[in-house]
Amino acid sequence: MSTDLFWFSDEQWAKIQPQLPTNQRGPQRHDDRRILSGIMHVQKVGCRWIDCPPEYGPHKTIYNRFARWSMRGIWQNIFAAVAGSPDTPAQVALDSSHVKIHRCASGGKGGRRSKRSASRKAGATAKFMQSSMSSADPGSSSSRRAIPPTASWRKLASA
């Protein structure tokens, strides 16, 4: 047997055994300790039922026992018995931190990108205006003379 498997100790099993159902129809249950240890192994490790090690028995038996006892409320009785006395102590201190964030809260692909604010964009010259203005520069190779739009309008208005 492997050492990383979960097995109930004798002390734990002494608390659990009186809580097990005794008046069930069908075939006699064998190896309750082995099957319940398999259920606790799956719950502790978080694996699928089919991946439960064969030392605990057939995975179908382990799953069926868990599912049937869950529907009948047997697990609540076992956990209440194992948990101990329901008396609350005079002082209780709880310390737990759990922060859940969305998977894309880290900034997304490529890291954090700084974006220009809307006020800076509004004051800037649009891209299509930049290309037309650069061709109208006096030092450009264009054969046309750059005429400001207001001067050409006055010329047409005076005619």
Protein backbone atom coordinates (compact mmCIF):
# COMPACT_ATOMS: atom_id res chain seq x y z
CA MET A 1 0.00 0.00 0.00
CA SER A 2 1.09 3.53 -0.72
CA THR A 3 1.83 5.93 2.14
CA ASP A 4 0.03 8.88 0.52
CA LEU A 5 -3.40 7.23 0.82
CA PHE A 6 -5.87 8.36 3.46
CA TRP A 7 -6.89 5.84 6.12
CA PHE A 8 -9.02 6.43 9.20
CA SER A 9 -7.17 5.93 12.45
CA ASP A 10 -8.60 3.61 15.13
CA GLU A 11 -9.68 6.62 17.20
CA GLN A 12 -11.48 8.22 14.25
CA TRP A 13 -13.14 4.96 13.26
CA ALA A 14 -14.39 4.44 16.84
CA LYS A 15 -16.36 7.71 16.50
CA ILE A 16 -17.68 6.92 13.01
CA GLN A 17 -18.69 3.27 13.35
CA PRO A 18 -21.70 3.80 15.67
CA GLN A 19 -23.16 6.30 13.16
CA LEU A 20 -23.21 3.84 10.25
CA PRO A 21 -26.61 2.49 9.18
CA THR A 22 -27.25 -1.09 10.31
CA ASN A 23 -30.76 -1.94 9.07
CA GLN A 24 -30.31 -1.89 5.31
CA ARG A 25 -31.80 -4.32 2.85
CA GLY A 26 -29.64 -5.97 0.24
CA PRO A 27 -26.31 -7.71 0.62
CA GLN A 28 -24.21 -7.27 3.72
CA ARG A 29 -21.72 -4.38 3.52
CA HIS A 30 -18.07 -5.37 3.85
CA ASP A 31 -15.06 -3.17 4.49
CA ASP A 32 -16.89 0.01 5.47
CA ARG A 33 -13.64 1.47 6.73
CA ARG A 34 -11.94 0.91 3.38
CA ILE A 35 -14.81 2.41 1.34
CA LEU A 36 -15.23 5.43 3.64
CA SER A 37 -11.47 6.02 3.58
CA GLY A 38 -11.72 6.03 -0.22
CA ILE A 39 -14.52 8.59 -0.10
CA MET A 40 -12.47 10.81 2.18
CA HIS A 41 -9.44 10.40 -0.09
CA VAL A 42 -11.44 11.63 -3.11
CA GLN A 43 -12.80 14.57 -1.10
CA LYS A 44 -9.37 15.46 0.27
CA VAL A 45 -7.41 15.18 -2.98
CA GLY A 46 -10.17 16.45 -5.28
CA CYS A 47 -9.74 13.77 -7.92
CA ARG A 48 -12.46 12.17 -10.01
CA TRP A 49 -14.19 9.08 -8.65
CA ILE A 50 -12.75 6.95 -11.43
CA ASP A 51 -9.22 8.05 -10.43
CA CYS A 52 -9.62 6.74 -6.88
CA PRO A 53 -6.78 4.26 -6.11
CA PRO A 54 -7.80 0.58 -6.29
CA GLU A 55 -6.66 -0.01 -2.67
CA TYR A 56 -9.97 1.52 -1.56
CA GLY A 57 -12.07 -0.80 -3.68
CA PRO A 58 -14.06 -0.36 -6.90
CA HIS A 59 -14.60 3.32 -7.76
CA LYS A 60 -18.25 2.65 -8.62
CA THR A 61 -18.89 1.28 -5.12
CA ILE A 62 -17.17 4.26 -3.53
CA TYR A 63 -19.25 6.73 -5.57
CA ASN A 64 -22.54 4.87 -5.02
CA ARG A 65 -21.99 4.77 -1.25
CA PHE A 66 -21.25 8.51 -1.19
CA ALA A 67 -24.24 9.43 -3.38
CA ARG A 68 -26.77 7.22 -1.56
CA TRP A 69 -25.66 8.29 1.91
CA SER A 70 -25.71 11.93 0.84
CA MET A 71 -29.36 11.64 -0.24
CA ARG A 72 -30.28 9.92 3.02
CA GLY A 73 -28.47 12.46 5.24
CA ILE A 74 -26.12 9.92 6.80
CA TRP A 75 -23.06 12.10 6.18
CA GLN A 76 -24.51 14.94 8.28
CA ASN A 77 -24.92 12.55 11.21
CA ILE A 78 -21.35 11.28 10.83
CA PHE A 79 -19.89 14.80 10.65
CA ALA A 80 -21.92 15.95 13.65
CA ALA A 81 -20.64 13.01 15.70
CA VAL A 82 -17.02 13.50 14.64
CA ALA A 83 -17.07 17.29 15.06
CA GLY A 84 -17.47 17.03 18.81
CA SER A 85 -19.60 18.89 21.31
CA PRO A 86 -21.92 21.62 20.04
CA ASP A 87 -21.07 23.86 23.03
CA THR A 88 -19.62 27.16 21.91
CA PRO A 89 -16.63 28.45 23.82
CA ALA A 90 -16.72 31.88 25.49
CA GLN A 91 -14.27 33.28 22.94
CA VAL A 92 -14.01 32.38 19.30
CA ALA A 93 -11.38 33.73 16.93
CA LEU A 94 -11.75 33.27 13.21
CA ASP A 95 -9.09 34.33 10.77
CA SER A 96 -9.58 33.69 7.12
CA SER A 97 -8.73 35.53 3.97
CA HIS A 98 -10.18 34.69 0.61
CA VAL A 99 -9.90 36.97 -2.36
CA LYS A 100 -11.61 35.92 -5.55
CA ILE A 101 -10.86 37.87 -8.69
CA HIS A 102 -11.85 37.37 -12.29
CA ARG A 103 -9.32 35.63 -14.49
CA CYS A 104 -8.79 38.69 -16.68
CA ALA A 105 -8.34 41.08 -13.76
CA SER A 106 -4.58 40.85 -14.15
CA GLY A 107 -4.50 43.26 -17.09
CA GLY A 108 -5.07 40.95 -20.00
CA LYS A 109 -2.79 40.05 -22.87
CA GLY A 110 0.34 42.13 -23.19
CA GLY A 111 0.15 43.71 -19.78
CA ARG A 112 -1.14 47.08 -18.81
CA ARG A 113 -1.36 49.68 -21.54
CA SER A 114 -1.80 53.35 -20.77
CA LYS A 115 -4.40 55.06 -22.88
CA ARG A 116 -4.65 58.73 -23.70
CA SER A 117 -7.40 60.60 -21.97
CA ALA A 118 -10.35 61.96 -23.95
CA SER A 119 -9.40 65.59 -23.30
CA ARG A 120 -5.98 65.13 -24.90
CA LYS A 121 -7.54 63.37 -27.87
CA ALA A 122 -10.02 66.19 -28.39
CA GLY A 123 -7.25 68.83 -28.58
CA ALA A 124 -5.06 66.82 -30.95
CA THR A 125 -5.25 67.04 -34.73
CA ALA A 126 -7.03 64.13 -36.35
CA LYS A 127 -4.92 61.73 -38.42
CA PHE A 128 -6.68 62.49 -41.70
CA MET A 129 -6.06 66.21 -41.13
CA GLN A 130 -2.35 65.62 -40.50
CA SER A 131 -1.83 63.99 -43.89
CA SER A 132 -3.60 66.80 -45.78
CA MET A 133 -1.80 69.49 -43.81
CA SER A 134 1.64 67.94 -44.39
CA SER A 135 1.13 68.04 -48.15
CA ALA A 136 0.16 71.73 -47.94
CA ASP A 137 3.42 72.79 -46.29
CA PRO A 138 5.26 75.54 -48.18
CA GLY A 139 8.45 73.50 -48.21
CA SER A 140 6.81 70.46 -49.78
CA SER A 141 7.38 69.35 -53.35
CA SER A 142 3.80 70.09 -54.32
CA SER A 143 3.40 72.41 -57.29
CA ARG A 144 0.25 73.97 -55.80
CA ARG A 145 0.61 76.97 -53.61
CA ALA A 146 -0.78 76.56 -50.13
CA ILE A 147 -3.76 78.87 -49.72
CA PRO A 148 -5.48 79.06 -46.36
CA PRO A 149 -9.18 78.13 -46.67
CA THR A 150 -10.36 81.58 -45.55
CA ALA A 151 -8.28 83.38 -48.22
CA SER A 152 -9.69 81.22 -51.03
CA TRP A 153 -13.21 81.86 -49.77
CA ARG A 154 -12.65 85.64 -49.74
CA LYS A 155 -11.31 85.46 -53.27
CA LEU A 156 -14.47 83.69 -54.47
CA ALA A 157 -16.75 85.99 -52.48
CA SER A 158 -15.25 89.16 -53.94
CA ALA A 159 -15.75 88.01 -57.51
